[in-house]
Amino acid sequence: MVRRSSTATERSIQTAVKNALNKHPATVVRVRSADAAGHVVGDPDIYGSIGGIHVEIEVKRPGEKPERIQYQQLKYWADSGAACCWVTSKTQALAFQKAVLAGRCQGRILELGAISKQVR
């Protein structure tokens, strides 16, 4: 049994990320529903457009990383030209948004360390 800390749920982080990103006028993102028709196992949690670039964002709880199938799906999207990342907070998602708007992410997967290094 995995012991969980009292940090936020993945769903609450997804909502915070979506709300924070959608405050920018050049951004429209949605949380992908796992029970929607056409859902593919491992598809990132959030999808949409930032500055006209298709984005895919996997959201994890702090201390967690995407599973193998989730990395594979991020690579699938990045290979098609989307800007992709995985985050554990809205702060990291906003850093990703800044990098996408600056043109530094298309066709790539950014991980947590890559985001903070590229945006500074």
PDB file of N, CA and C in Angstrom:
ATOM      1  N   MET A   1       0.845  -1.186   0.000  1.00  0.00           N
ATOM      2  CA  MET A   1       0.000   0.000   0.000  1.00  0.00           C
ATOM      3  C   MET A   1       0.888   1.246   0.000  1.00  0.00           C
ATOM      4  N   VAL A   2       0.594   2.177  -0.893  1.00  0.00           N
ATOM      5  CA  VAL A   2       1.361   3.409  -0.995  1.00  0.00           C
ATOM      6  C   VAL A   2       0.805   4.412  -0.001  1.00  0.00           C
ATOM      7  N   ARG A   3       1.683   4.972   0.782  1.00  0.00           N
ATOM      8  CA  ARG A   3       1.257   5.967   1.753  1.00  0.00           C
ATOM      9  C   ARG A   3       1.303   7.346   1.098  1.00  0.00           C
ATOM     10  N   ARG A   4       0.226   8.075   1.164  1.00  0.00           N
ATOM     11  CA  ARG A   4       0.122   9.387   0.547  1.00  0.00           C
ATOM     12  C   ARG A   4       0.225  10.474   1.613  1.00  0.00           C
ATOM     13  N   SER A   5       0.879  11.564   1.235  1.00  0.00           N
ATOM     14  CA  SER A   5       0.964  12.695   2.152  1.00  0.00           C
ATOM     15  C   SER A   5      -0.337  13.488   2.067  1.00  0.00           C
ATOM     16  N   SER A   6      -0.430  14.547   2.808  1.00  0.00           N
ATOM     17  CA  SER A   6      -1.652  15.339   2.832  1.00  0.00           C
ATOM     18  C   SER A   6      -1.657  16.408   1.743  1.00  0.00           C
ATOM     19  N   THR A   7      -0.841  16.246   0.702  1.00  0.00           N
ATOM     20  CA  THR A   7      -0.821  17.225  -0.384  1.00  0.00           C
ATOM     21  C   THR A   7      -2.096  17.135  -1.204  1.00  0.00           C
ATOM     22  N   ALA A   8      -2.235  18.062  -2.107  1.00  0.00           N
ATOM     23  CA  ALA A   8      -3.429  18.149  -2.935  1.00  0.00           C
ATOM     24  C   ALA A   8      -3.619  16.900  -3.790  1.00  0.00           C
ATOM     25  N   THR A   9      -4.862  16.667  -4.175  1.00  0.00           N
ATOM     26  CA  THR A   9      -5.150  15.557  -5.074  1.00  0.00           C
ATOM     27  C   THR A   9      -4.730  15.945  -6.493  1.00  0.00           C
ATOM     28  N   GLU A  10      -4.538  14.938  -7.334  1.00  0.00           N
ATOM     29  CA  GLU A  10      -4.186  15.216  -8.722  1.00  0.00           C
ATOM     30  C   GLU A  10      -5.294  16.016  -9.402  1.00  0.00           C
ATOM     31  N   ARG A  11      -6.538  15.706  -9.110  1.00  0.00           N
ATOM     32  CA  ARG A  11      -7.672  16.421  -9.706  1.00  0.00           C
ATOM     33  C   ARG A  11      -7.664  17.896  -9.309  1.00  0.00           C
ATOM     34  N   SER A  12      -7.356  18.193  -8.045  1.00  0.00           N
ATOM     35  CA  SER A  12      -7.338  19.597  -7.622  1.00  0.00           C
ATOM     36  C   SER A  12      -6.181  20.356  -8.271  1.00  0.00           C
ATOM     37  N   ILE A  13      -5.058  19.679  -8.500  1.00  0.00           N
ATOM     38  CA  ILE A  13      -3.931  20.312  -9.195  1.00  0.00           C
ATOM     39  C   ILE A  13      -4.318  20.561 -10.655  1.00  0.00           C
ATOM     40  N   GLN A  14      -4.993  19.600 -11.287  1.00  0.00           N
ATOM     41  CA  GLN A  14      -5.449  19.779 -12.671  1.00  0.00           C
ATOM     42  C   GLN A  14      -6.335  21.018 -12.789  1.00  0.00           C
ATOM     43  N   THR A  15      -7.267  21.164 -11.869  1.00  0.00           N
ATOM     44  CA  THR A  15      -8.176  22.307 -11.894  1.00  0.00           C
ATOM     45  C   THR A  15      -7.425  23.612 -11.700  1.00  0.00           C
ATOM     46  N   ALA A  16      -6.483  23.640 -10.759  1.00  0.00           N
ATOM     47  CA  ALA A  16      -5.688  24.847 -10.508  1.00  0.00           C
ATOM     48  C   ALA A  16      -4.854  25.208 -11.736  1.00  0.00           C
ATOM     49  N   VAL A  17      -4.257  24.209 -12.373  1.00  0.00           N
ATOM     50  CA  VAL A  17      -3.454  24.437 -13.580  1.00  0.00           C
ATOM     51  C   VAL A  17      -4.339  24.991 -14.695  1.00  0.00           C
ATOM     52  N   LYS A  18      -5.463  24.338 -14.954  1.00  0.00           N
ATOM     53  CA  LYS A  18      -6.382  24.790 -16.006  1.00  0.00           C
ATOM     54  C   LYS A  18      -6.822  26.232 -15.765  1.00  0.00           C
ATOM     55  N   ASN A  19      -7.237  26.541 -14.559  1.00  0.00           N
ATOM     56  CA  ASN A  19      -7.718  27.888 -14.238  1.00  0.00           C
ATOM     57  C   ASN A  19      -6.615  28.929 -14.382  1.00  0.00           C
ATOM     58  N   ALA A  20      -5.412  28.605 -13.926  1.00  0.00           N
ATOM     59  CA  ALA A  20      -4.298  29.553 -14.016  1.00  0.00           C
ATOM     60  C   ALA A  20      -3.917  29.811 -15.475  1.00  0.00           C
ATOM     61  N   LEU A  21      -3.809  28.755 -16.268  1.00  0.00           N
ATOM     62  CA  LEU A  21      -3.419  28.916 -17.669  1.00  0.00           C
ATOM     63  C   LEU A  21      -4.470  29.675 -18.467  1.00  0.00           C
ATOM     64  N   ASN A  22      -5.735  29.401 -18.209  1.00  0.00           N
ATOM     65  CA  ASN A  22      -6.808  30.038 -18.976  1.00  0.00           C
ATOM     66  C   ASN A  22      -6.980  31.525 -18.676  1.00  0.00           C
ATOM     67  N   LYS A  23      -6.262  32.065 -17.694  1.00  0.00           N
ATOM     68  CA  LYS A  23      -6.320  33.503 -17.427  1.00  0.00           C
ATOM     69  C   LYS A  23      -5.608  34.300 -18.514  1.00  0.00           C
ATOM     70  N   HIS A  24      -4.707  33.647 -19.266  1.00  0.00           N
ATOM     71  CA  HIS A  24      -3.982  34.319 -20.339  1.00  0.00           C
ATOM     72  C   HIS A  24      -4.859  34.322 -21.588  1.00  0.00           C
ATOM     73  N   PRO A  25      -5.014  35.480 -22.245  1.00  0.00           N
ATOM     74  CA  PRO A  25      -5.920  35.543 -23.399  1.00  0.00           C
ATOM     75  C   PRO A  25      -5.523  34.665 -24.587  1.00  0.00           C
ATOM     76  N   ALA A  26      -4.267  34.261 -24.687  1.00  0.00           N
ATOM     77  CA  ALA A  26      -3.832  33.429 -25.818  1.00  0.00           C
ATOM     78  C   ALA A  26      -3.863  31.940 -25.479  1.00  0.00           C
ATOM     79  N   THR A  27      -4.555  31.575 -24.398  1.00  0.00           N
ATOM     80  CA  THR A  27      -4.567  30.189 -23.944  1.00  0.00           C
ATOM     81  C   THR A  27      -5.986  29.667 -23.771  1.00  0.00           C
ATOM     82  N   VAL A  28      -6.213  28.465 -24.287  1.00  0.00           N
ATOM     83  CA  VAL A  28      -7.454  27.728 -24.030  1.00  0.00           C
ATOM     84  C   VAL A  28      -7.048  26.289 -23.753  1.00  0.00           C
ATOM     85  N   VAL A  29      -7.258  25.829 -22.521  1.00  0.00           N
ATOM     86  CA  VAL A  29      -6.949  24.448 -22.167  1.00  0.00           C
ATOM     87  C   VAL A  29      -8.146  23.822 -21.461  1.00  0.00           C
ATOM     88  N   ARG A  30      -8.224  22.511 -21.566  1.00  0.00           N
ATOM     89  CA  ARG A  30      -9.296  21.738 -20.951  1.00  0.00           C
ATOM     90  C   ARG A  30      -8.710  20.522 -20.257  1.00  0.00           C
ATOM     91  N   VAL A  31      -9.404  20.040 -19.228  1.00  0.00           N
ATOM     92  CA  VAL A  31      -9.017  18.788 -18.572  1.00  0.00           C
ATOM     93  C   VAL A  31      -9.682  17.662 -19.347  1.00  0.00           C
ATOM     94  N   ARG A  32      -8.887  16.688 -19.745  1.00  0.00           N
ATOM     95  CA  ARG A  32      -9.377  15.539 -20.515  1.00  0.00           C
ATOM     96  C   ARG A  32     -10.144  14.613 -19.574  1.00  0.00           C
ATOM     97  N   SER A  33     -11.300  14.168 -19.994  1.00  0.00           N
ATOM     98  CA  SER A  33     -12.115  13.265 -19.196  1.00  0.00           C
ATOM     99  C   SER A  33     -11.748  11.822 -19.506  1.00  0.00           C
ATOM    100  N   ALA A  34     -11.451  11.057 -18.477  1.00  0.00           N
ATOM    101  CA  ALA A  34     -11.055   9.655 -18.660  1.00  0.00           C
ATOM    102  C   ALA A  34     -12.198   8.792 -19.176  1.00  0.00           C
ATOM    103  N   ASP A  35     -13.421   9.239 -18.988  1.00  0.00           N
ATOM    104  CA  ASP A  35     -14.551   8.428 -19.446  1.00  0.00           C
ATOM    105  C   ASP A  35     -15.144   8.935 -20.765  1.00  0.00           C
ATOM    106  N   ALA A  36     -14.464   9.875 -21.410  1.00  0.00           N
ATOM    107  CA  ALA A  36     -14.963  10.415 -22.678  1.00  0.00           C
ATOM    108  C   ALA A  36     -14.772   9.423 -23.817  1.00  0.00           C
ATOM    109  N   ALA A  37     -15.645   9.489 -24.785  1.00  0.00           N
ATOM    110  CA  ALA A  37     -15.504   8.638 -25.971  1.00  0.00           C
ATOM    111  C   ALA A  37     -14.191   8.975 -26.663  1.00  0.00           C
ATOM    112  N   GLY A  38     -13.477   7.963 -27.098  1.00  0.00           N
ATOM    113  CA  GLY A  38     -12.215   8.175 -27.784  1.00  0.00           C
ATOM    114  C   GLY A  38     -11.024   8.358 -26.859  1.00  0.00           C
ATOM    115  N   HIS A  39     -11.234   8.260 -25.556  1.00  0.00           N
ATOM    116  CA  HIS A  39     -10.130   8.415 -24.607  1.00  0.00           C
ATOM    117  C   HIS A  39      -9.089   7.316 -24.828  1.00  0.00           C
ATOM    118  N   VAL A  40      -7.826   7.696 -24.857  1.00  0.00           N
ATOM    119  CA  VAL A  40      -6.721   6.754 -25.013  1.00  0.00           C
ATOM    120  C   VAL A  40      -5.990   6.654 -23.681  1.00  0.00           C
ATOM    121  N   VAL A  41      -5.775   5.431 -23.213  1.00  0.00           N
ATOM    122  CA  VAL A  41      -5.066   5.226 -21.944  1.00  0.00           C
ATOM    123  C   VAL A  41      -3.705   5.899 -22.017  1.00  0.00           C
ATOM    124  N   GLY A  42      -3.376   6.672 -21.012  1.00  0.00           N
ATOM    125  CA  GLY A  42      -2.086   7.337 -20.942  1.00  0.00           C
ATOM    126  C   GLY A  42      -2.072   8.733 -21.519  1.00  0.00           C
ATOM    127  N   ASP A  43      -3.150   9.138 -22.218  1.00  0.00           N
ATOM    128  CA  ASP A  43      -3.182  10.495 -22.757  1.00  0.00           C
ATOM    129  C   ASP A  43      -3.016  11.499 -21.619  1.00  0.00           C
ATOM    130  N   PRO A  44      -2.292  12.598 -21.872  1.00  0.00           N
ATOM    131  CA  PRO A  44      -2.086  13.613 -20.833  1.00  0.00           C
ATOM    132  C   PRO A  44      -3.407  14.174 -20.303  1.00  0.00           C
ATOM    133  N   ASP A  45      -3.354  14.693 -19.094  1.00  0.00           N
ATOM    134  CA  ASP A  45      -4.548  15.169 -18.394  1.00  0.00           C
ATOM    135  C   ASP A  45      -5.152  16.435 -18.996  1.00  0.00           C
ATOM    136  N   ILE A  46      -4.292  17.313 -19.509  1.00  0.00           N
ATOM    137  CA  ILE A  46      -4.742  18.614 -19.999  1.00  0.00           C
ATOM    138  C   ILE A  46      -4.282  18.782 -21.443  1.00  0.00           C
ATOM    139  N   TYR A  47      -5.172  19.318 -22.265  1.00  0.00           N
ATOM    140  CA  TYR A  47      -4.840  19.570 -23.666  1.00  0.00           C
ATOM    141  C   TYR A  47      -5.391  20.935 -24.057  1.00  0.00           C
ATOM    142  N   GLY A  48      -4.860  21.497 -25.118  1.00  0.00           N
ATOM    143  CA  GLY A  48      -5.389  22.764 -25.597  1.00  0.00           C
ATOM    144  C   GLY A  48      -4.396  23.500 -26.457  1.00  0.00           C
ATOM    145  N   SER A  49      -4.495  24.823 -26.425  1.00  0.00           N
ATOM    146  CA  SER A  49      -3.669  25.680 -27.267  1.00  0.00           C
ATOM    147  C   SER A  49      -3.118  26.832 -26.442  1.00  0.00           C
ATOM    148  N   ILE A  50      -1.825  27.070 -26.607  1.00  0.00           N
ATOM    149  CA  ILE A  50      -1.177  28.229 -25.998  1.00  0.00           C
ATOM    150  C   ILE A  50      -0.504  28.973 -27.147  1.00  0.00           C
ATOM    151  N   GLY A  51      -0.969  30.182 -27.406  1.00  0.00           N
ATOM    152  CA  GLY A  51      -0.394  30.974 -28.488  1.00  0.00           C
ATOM    153  C   GLY A  51      -0.479  30.292 -29.840  1.00  0.00           C
ATOM    154  N   GLY A  52      -1.519  29.495 -30.062  1.00  0.00           N
ATOM    155  CA  GLY A  52      -1.701  28.804 -31.322  1.00  0.00           C
ATOM    156  C   GLY A  52      -0.941  27.493 -31.436  1.00  0.00           C
ATOM    157  N   ILE A  53      -0.219  27.098 -30.396  1.00  0.00           N
ATOM    158  CA  ILE A  53       0.526  25.839 -30.372  1.00  0.00           C
ATOM    159  C   ILE A  53      -0.279  24.819 -29.576  1.00  0.00           C
ATOM    160  N   HIS A  54      -0.456  23.621 -30.156  1.00  0.00           N
ATOM    161  CA  HIS A  54      -1.153  22.562 -29.426  1.00  0.00           C
ATOM    162  C   HIS A  54      -0.278  22.122 -28.252  1.00  0.00           C
ATOM    163  N   VAL A  55      -0.886  22.002 -27.069  1.00  0.00           N
ATOM    164  CA  VAL A  55      -0.154  21.581 -25.874  1.00  0.00           C
ATOM    165  C   VAL A  55      -0.816  20.372 -25.238  1.00  0.00           C
ATOM    166  N   GLU A  56       0.011  19.550 -24.616  1.00  0.00           N
ATOM    167  CA  GLU A  56      -0.427  18.386 -23.840  1.00  0.00           C
ATOM    168  C   GLU A  56       0.339  18.431 -22.517  1.00  0.00           C
ATOM    169  N   ILE A  57      -0.390  18.374 -21.412  1.00  0.00           N
ATOM    170  CA  ILE A  57       0.214  18.501 -20.085  1.00  0.00           C
ATOM    171  C   ILE A  57      -0.232  17.341 -19.204  1.00  0.00           C
ATOM    172  N   GLU A  58       0.734  16.609 -18.685  1.00  0.00           N
ATOM    173  CA  GLU A  58       0.453  15.555 -17.705  1.00  0.00           C
ATOM    174  C   GLU A  58       0.625  16.171 -16.323  1.00  0.00           C
ATOM    175  N   VAL A  59      -0.343  15.963 -15.462  1.00  0.00           N
ATOM    176  CA  VAL A  59      -0.315  16.512 -14.106  1.00  0.00           C
ATOM    177  C   VAL A  59      -0.090  15.373 -13.116  1.00  0.00           C
ATOM    178  N   LYS A  60       0.869  15.547 -12.227  1.00  0.00           N
ATOM    179  CA  LYS A  60       1.161  14.571 -11.181  1.00  0.00           C
ATOM    180  C   LYS A  60       1.165  15.280  -9.841  1.00  0.00           C
ATOM    181  N   ARG A  61       0.983  14.492  -8.794  1.00  0.00           N
ATOM    182  CA  ARG A  61       1.121  15.034  -7.437  1.00  0.00           C
ATOM    183  C   ARG A  61       2.591  15.267  -7.148  1.00  0.00           C
ATOM    184  N   PRO A  62       2.923  16.213  -6.262  1.00  0.00           N
ATOM    185  CA  PRO A  62       4.327  16.435  -5.913  1.00  0.00           C
ATOM    186  C   PRO A  62       5.007  15.133  -5.487  1.00  0.00           C
ATOM    187  N   GLY A  63       6.193  14.900  -6.020  1.00  0.00           N
ATOM    188  CA  GLY A  63       6.949  13.693  -5.704  1.00  0.00           C
ATOM    189  C   GLY A  63       6.658  12.529  -6.632  1.00  0.00           C
ATOM    190  N   GLU A  64       5.657  12.655  -7.494  1.00  0.00           N
ATOM    191  CA  GLU A  64       5.313  11.585  -8.436  1.00  0.00           C
ATOM    192  C   GLU A  64       5.783  11.937  -9.831  1.00  0.00           C
ATOM    193  N   LYS A  65       5.966  10.916 -10.666  1.00  0.00           N
ATOM    194  CA  LYS A  65       6.372  11.091 -12.053  1.00  0.00           C
ATOM    195  C   LYS A  65       5.397  10.318 -12.935  1.00  0.00           C
ATOM    196  N   PRO A  66       5.324  10.695 -14.220  1.00  0.00           N
ATOM    197  CA  PRO A  66       4.446   9.960 -15.125  1.00  0.00           C
ATOM    198  C   PRO A  66       4.860   8.490 -15.257  1.00  0.00           C
ATOM    199  N   GLU A  67       3.868   7.641 -15.492  1.00  0.00           N
ATOM    200  CA  GLU A  67       4.139   6.233 -15.747  1.00  0.00           C
ATOM    201  C   GLU A  67       4.643   6.075 -17.175  1.00  0.00           C
ATOM    202  N   ARG A  68       5.161   4.908 -17.482  1.00  0.00           N
ATOM    203  CA  ARG A  68       5.737   4.659 -18.805  1.00  0.00           C
ATOM    204  C   ARG A  68       4.760   4.971 -19.944  1.00  0.00           C
ATOM    205  N   ILE A  69       3.528   4.516 -19.841  1.00  0.00           N
ATOM    206  CA  ILE A  69       2.540   4.769 -20.891  1.00  0.00           C
ATOM    207  C   ILE A  69       2.273   6.259 -21.045  1.00  0.00           C
ATOM    208  N   GLN A  70       2.344   7.003 -19.939  1.00  0.00           N
ATOM    209  CA  GLN A  70       2.132   8.447 -20.005  1.00  0.00           C
ATOM    210  C   GLN A  70       3.298   9.130 -20.719  1.00  0.00           C
ATOM    211  N   TYR A  71       4.530   8.688 -20.451  1.00  0.00           N
ATOM    212  CA  TYR A  71       5.692   9.212 -21.192  1.00  0.00           C
ATOM    213  C   TYR A  71       5.553   8.892 -22.679  1.00  0.00           C
ATOM    214  N   GLN A  72       5.109   7.685 -22.979  1.00  0.00           N
ATOM    215  CA  GLN A  72       4.952   7.292 -24.380  1.00  0.00           C
ATOM    216  C   GLN A  72       3.943   8.189 -25.088  1.00  0.00           C
ATOM    217  N   GLN A  73       2.857   8.514 -24.414  1.00  0.00           N
ATOM    218  CA  GLN A  73       1.849   9.383 -25.023  1.00  0.00           C
ATOM    219  C   GLN A  73       2.378  10.809 -25.175  1.00  0.00           C
ATOM    220  N   LEU A  74       3.143  11.302 -24.191  1.00  0.00           N
ATOM    221  CA  LEU A  74       3.748  12.623 -24.335  1.00  0.00           C
ATOM    222  C   LEU A  74       4.675  12.646 -25.549  1.00  0.00           C
ATOM    223  N   LYS A  75       5.457  11.575 -25.738  1.00  0.00           N
ATOM    224  CA  LYS A  75       6.363  11.487 -26.886  1.00  0.00           C
ATOM    225  C   LYS A  75       5.576  11.449 -28.183  1.00  0.00           C
ATOM    226  N   TYR A  76       4.496  10.706 -28.213  1.00  0.00           N
ATOM    227  CA  TYR A  76       3.632  10.635 -29.390  1.00  0.00           C
ATOM    228  C   TYR A  76       3.170  12.035 -29.797  1.00  0.00           C
ATOM    229  N   TRP A  77       2.691  12.806 -28.824  1.00  0.00           N
ATOM    230  CA  TRP A  77       2.222  14.162 -29.105  1.00  0.00           C
ATOM    231  C   TRP A  77       3.376  15.079 -29.498  1.00  0.00           C
ATOM    232  N   ALA A  78       4.495  14.984 -28.800  1.00  0.00           N
ATOM    233  CA  ALA A  78       5.653  15.834 -29.125  1.00  0.00           C
ATOM    234  C   ALA A  78       6.165  15.542 -30.527  1.00  0.00           C
ATOM    235  N   ASP A  79       6.189  14.268 -30.902  1.00  0.00           N
ATOM    236  CA  ASP A  79       6.640  13.888 -32.244  1.00  0.00           C
ATOM    237  C   ASP A  79       5.746  14.467 -33.337  1.00  0.00           C
ATOM    238  N   SER A  80       4.487  14.774 -32.997  1.00  0.00           N
ATOM    239  CA  SER A  80       3.580  15.368 -33.980  1.00  0.00           C
ATOM    240  C   SER A  80       3.689  16.893 -34.002  1.00  0.00           C
ATOM    241  N   GLY A  81       4.540  17.454 -33.137  1.00  0.00           N
ATOM    242  CA  GLY A  81       4.755  18.898 -33.116  1.00  0.00           C
ATOM    243  C   GLY A  81       4.166  19.627 -31.935  1.00  0.00           C
ATOM    244  N   ALA A  82       3.470  18.919 -31.054  1.00  0.00           N
ATOM    245  CA  ALA A  82       2.880  19.573 -29.880  1.00  0.00           C
ATOM    246  C   ALA A  82       3.959  19.923 -28.859  1.00  0.00           C
ATOM    247  N   ALA A  83       3.675  20.922 -28.051  1.00  0.00           N
ATOM    248  CA  ALA A  83       4.520  21.256 -26.901  1.00  0.00           C
ATOM    249  C   ALA A  83       3.977  20.463 -25.722  1.00  0.00           C
ATOM    250  N   CYS A  84       4.837  19.707 -25.053  1.00  0.00           N
ATOM    251  CA  CYS A  84       4.386  18.800 -23.992  1.00  0.00           C
ATOM    252  C   CYS A  84       5.213  18.963 -22.731  1.00  0.00           C
ATOM    253  N   CYS A  85       4.583  18.677 -21.603  1.00  0.00           N
ATOM    254  CA  CYS A  85       5.312  18.686 -20.342  1.00  0.00           C
ATOM    255  C   CYS A  85       4.533  17.901 -19.301  1.00  0.00           C
ATOM    256  N   TRP A  86       5.191  17.690 -18.169  1.00  0.00           N
ATOM    257  CA  TRP A  86       4.482  17.186 -16.997  1.00  0.00           C
ATOM    258  C   TRP A  86       4.831  18.102 -15.844  1.00  0.00           C
ATOM    259  N   VAL A  87       3.835  18.376 -15.010  1.00  0.00           N
ATOM    260  CA  VAL A  87       3.985  19.336 -13.924  1.00  0.00           C
ATOM    261  C   VAL A  87       3.376  18.793 -12.639  1.00  0.00           C
ATOM    262  N   THR A  88       3.769  19.393 -11.534  1.00  0.00           N
ATOM    263  CA  THR A  88       3.180  19.050 -10.239  1.00  0.00           C
ATOM    264  C   THR A  88       2.538  20.272  -9.568  1.00  0.00           C
ATOM    265  N   SER A  89       2.516  21.407 -10.273  1.00  0.00           N
ATOM    266  CA  SER A  89       1.923  22.611  -9.686  1.00  0.00           C
ATOM    267  C   SER A  89       1.529  23.603 -10.770  1.00  0.00           C
ATOM    268  N   LYS A  90       0.688  24.549 -10.397  1.00  0.00           N
ATOM    269  CA  LYS A  90       0.307  25.587 -11.356  1.00  0.00           C
ATOM    270  C   LYS A  90       1.492  26.498 -11.651  1.00  0.00           C
ATOM    271  N   THR A  91       2.407  26.675 -10.701  1.00  0.00           N
ATOM    272  CA  THR A  91       3.598  27.491 -10.937  1.00  0.00           C
ATOM    273  C   THR A  91       4.431  26.902 -12.070  1.00  0.00           C
ATOM    274  N   GLN A  92       4.603  25.588 -12.064  1.00  0.00           N
ATOM    275  CA  GLN A  92       5.348  24.934 -13.140  1.00  0.00           C
ATOM    276  C   GLN A  92       4.590  25.044 -14.454  1.00  0.00           C
ATOM    277  N   ALA A  93       3.274  24.928 -14.416  1.00  0.00           N
ATOM    278  CA  ALA A  93       2.470  25.054 -15.634  1.00  0.00           C
ATOM    279  C   ALA A  93       2.584  26.461 -16.214  1.00  0.00           C
ATOM    280  N   LEU A  94       2.613  27.467 -15.356  1.00  0.00           N
ATOM    281  CA  LEU A  94       2.768  28.841 -15.834  1.00  0.00           C
ATOM    282  C   LEU A  94       4.153  29.057 -16.446  1.00  0.00           C
ATOM    283  N   ALA A  95       5.172  28.393 -15.900  1.00  0.00           N
ATOM    284  CA  ALA A  95       6.514  28.463 -16.491  1.00  0.00           C
ATOM    285  C   ALA A  95       6.514  27.812 -17.875  1.00  0.00           C
ATOM    286  N   PHE A  96       5.807  26.698 -18.009  1.00  0.00           N
ATOM    287  CA  PHE A  96       5.665  26.038 -19.305  1.00  0.00           C
ATOM    288  C   PHE A  96       4.961  26.964 -20.288  1.00  0.00           C
ATOM    289  N   GLN A  97       3.878  27.604 -19.845  1.00  0.00           N
ATOM    290  CA  GLN A  97       3.137  28.530 -20.701  1.00  0.00           C
ATOM    291  C   GLN A  97       4.060  29.640 -21.203  1.00  0.00           C
ATOM    292  N   LYS A  98       4.866  30.178 -20.319  1.00  0.00           N
ATOM    293  CA  LYS A  98       5.804  31.242 -20.677  1.00  0.00           C
ATOM    294  C   LYS A  98       6.796  30.743 -21.730  1.00  0.00           C
ATOM    295  N   ALA A  99       7.290  29.518 -21.559  1.00  0.00           N
ATOM    296  CA  ALA A  99       8.239  28.943 -22.513  1.00  0.00           C
ATOM    297  C   ALA A  99       7.578  28.698 -23.870  1.00  0.00           C
ATOM    298  N   VAL A 100       6.328  28.223 -23.862  1.00  0.00           N
ATOM    299  CA  VAL A 100       5.606  27.996 -25.129  1.00  0.00           C
ATOM    300  C   VAL A 100       5.411  29.325 -25.848  1.00  0.00           C
ATOM    301  N   LEU A 101       4.970  30.345 -25.128  1.00  0.00           N
ATOM    302  CA  LEU A 101       4.740  31.656 -25.740  1.00  0.00           C
ATOM    303  C   LEU A 101       6.032  32.265 -26.283  1.00  0.00           C
ATOM    304  N   ALA A 102       7.163  31.888 -25.702  1.00  0.00           N
ATOM    305  CA  ALA A 102       8.469  32.367 -26.172  1.00  0.00           C
ATOM    306  C   ALA A 102       9.010  31.510 -27.324  1.00  0.00           C
ATOM    307  N   GLY A 103       8.261  30.460 -27.692  1.00  0.00           N
ATOM    308  CA  GLY A 103       8.665  29.615 -28.817  1.00  0.00           C
ATOM    309  C   GLY A 103       9.741  28.599 -28.510  1.00  0.00           C
ATOM    310  N   ARG A 104       9.859  28.180 -27.247  1.00  0.00           N
ATOM    311  CA  ARG A 104      10.938  27.271 -26.862  1.00  0.00           C
ATOM    312  C   ARG A 104      10.513  25.831 -26.633  1.00  0.00           C
ATOM    313  N   CYS A 105       9.285  25.463 -26.997  1.00  0.00           N
ATOM    314  CA  CYS A 105       8.820  24.133 -26.589  1.00  0.00           C
ATOM    315  C   CYS A 105       8.227  23.258 -27.674  1.00  0.00           C
ATOM    316  N   GLN A 106       7.912  23.770 -28.821  1.00  0.00           N
ATOM    317  CA  GLN A 106       7.162  22.995 -29.808  1.00  0.00           C
ATOM    318  C   GLN A 106       7.920  21.739 -30.212  1.00  0.00           C
ATOM    319  N   GLY A 107       7.200  20.608 -30.194  1.00  0.00           N
ATOM    320  CA  GLY A 107       7.787  19.333 -30.585  1.00  0.00           C
ATOM    321  C   GLY A 107       8.733  18.748 -29.558  1.00  0.00           C
ATOM    322  N   ARG A 108       8.604  19.171 -28.310  1.00  0.00           N
ATOM    323  CA  ARG A 108       9.484  18.692 -27.240  1.00  0.00           C
ATOM    324  C   ARG A 108       8.672  18.346 -26.005  1.00  0.00           C
ATOM    325  N   ILE A 109       9.253  17.493 -25.166  1.00  0.00           N
ATOM    326  CA  ILE A 109       8.665  17.191 -23.864  1.00  0.00           C
ATOM    327  C   ILE A 109       9.545  17.864 -22.821  1.00  0.00           C
ATOM    328  N   LEU A 110       8.975  18.715 -22.021  1.00  0.00           N
ATOM    329  CA  LEU A 110       9.725  19.353 -20.947  1.00  0.00           C
ATOM    330  C   LEU A 110       9.403  18.671 -19.636  1.00  0.00           C
ATOM    331  N   GLU A 111      10.440  18.346 -18.900  1.00  0.00           N
ATOM    332  CA  GLU A 111      10.250  17.806 -17.563  1.00  0.00           C
ATOM    333  C   GLU A 111      10.496  18.930 -16.568  1.00  0.00           C
ATOM    334  N   LEU A 112      10.230  18.683 -15.335  1.00  0.00           N
ATOM    335  CA  LEU A 112      10.274  19.732 -14.314  1.00  0.00           C
ATOM    336  C   LEU A 112      11.565  20.531 -14.328  1.00  0.00           C
ATOM    337  N   GLY A 113      12.716  19.874 -14.295  1.00  0.00           N
ATOM    338  CA  GLY A 113      13.997  20.575 -14.290  1.00  0.00           C
ATOM    339  C   GLY A 113      14.211  21.382 -15.549  1.00  0.00           C
ATOM    340  N   ALA A 114      13.797  20.860 -16.689  1.00  0.00           N
ATOM    341  CA  ALA A 114      13.962  21.561 -17.959  1.00  0.00           C
ATOM    342  C   ALA A 114      13.147  22.845 -17.983  1.00  0.00           C
ATOM    343  N   ILE A 115      11.970  22.812 -17.382  1.00  0.00           N
ATOM    344  CA  ILE A 115      11.133  24.010 -17.372  1.00  0.00           C
ATOM    345  C   ILE A 115      11.827  25.117 -16.604  1.00  0.00           C
ATOM    346  N   SER A 116      12.259  24.830 -15.384  1.00  0.00           N
ATOM    347  CA  SER A 116      12.841  25.890 -14.575  1.00  0.00           C
ATOM    348  C   SER A 116      14.135  26.414 -15.187  1.00  0.00           C
ATOM    349  N   LYS A 117      14.935  25.563 -15.839  1.00  0.00           N
ATOM    350  CA  LYS A 117      16.183  26.016 -16.461  1.00  0.00           C
ATOM    351  C   LYS A 117      15.915  26.874 -17.674  1.00  0.00           C
ATOM    352  N   GLN A 118      14.924  26.534 -18.493  1.00  0.00           N
ATOM    353  CA  GLN A 118      14.679  27.262 -19.726  1.00  0.00           C
ATOM    354  C   GLN A 118      13.999  28.602 -19.501  1.00  0.00           C
ATOM    355  N   VAL A 119      13.198  28.712 -18.483  1.00  0.00           N
ATOM    356  CA  VAL A 119      12.400  29.923 -18.308  1.00  0.00           C
ATOM    357  C   VAL A 119      13.182  31.019 -17.616  1.00  0.00           C
ATOM    358  N   ARG A 120      14.148  30.682 -16.826  1.00  0.00           N
ATOM    359  CA  ARG A 120      14.894  31.714 -16.083  1.00  0.00           C
ATOM    360  C   ARG A 120      15.742  32.561 -16.981  1.00  0.00           C
TER     361      ARG A 120
END
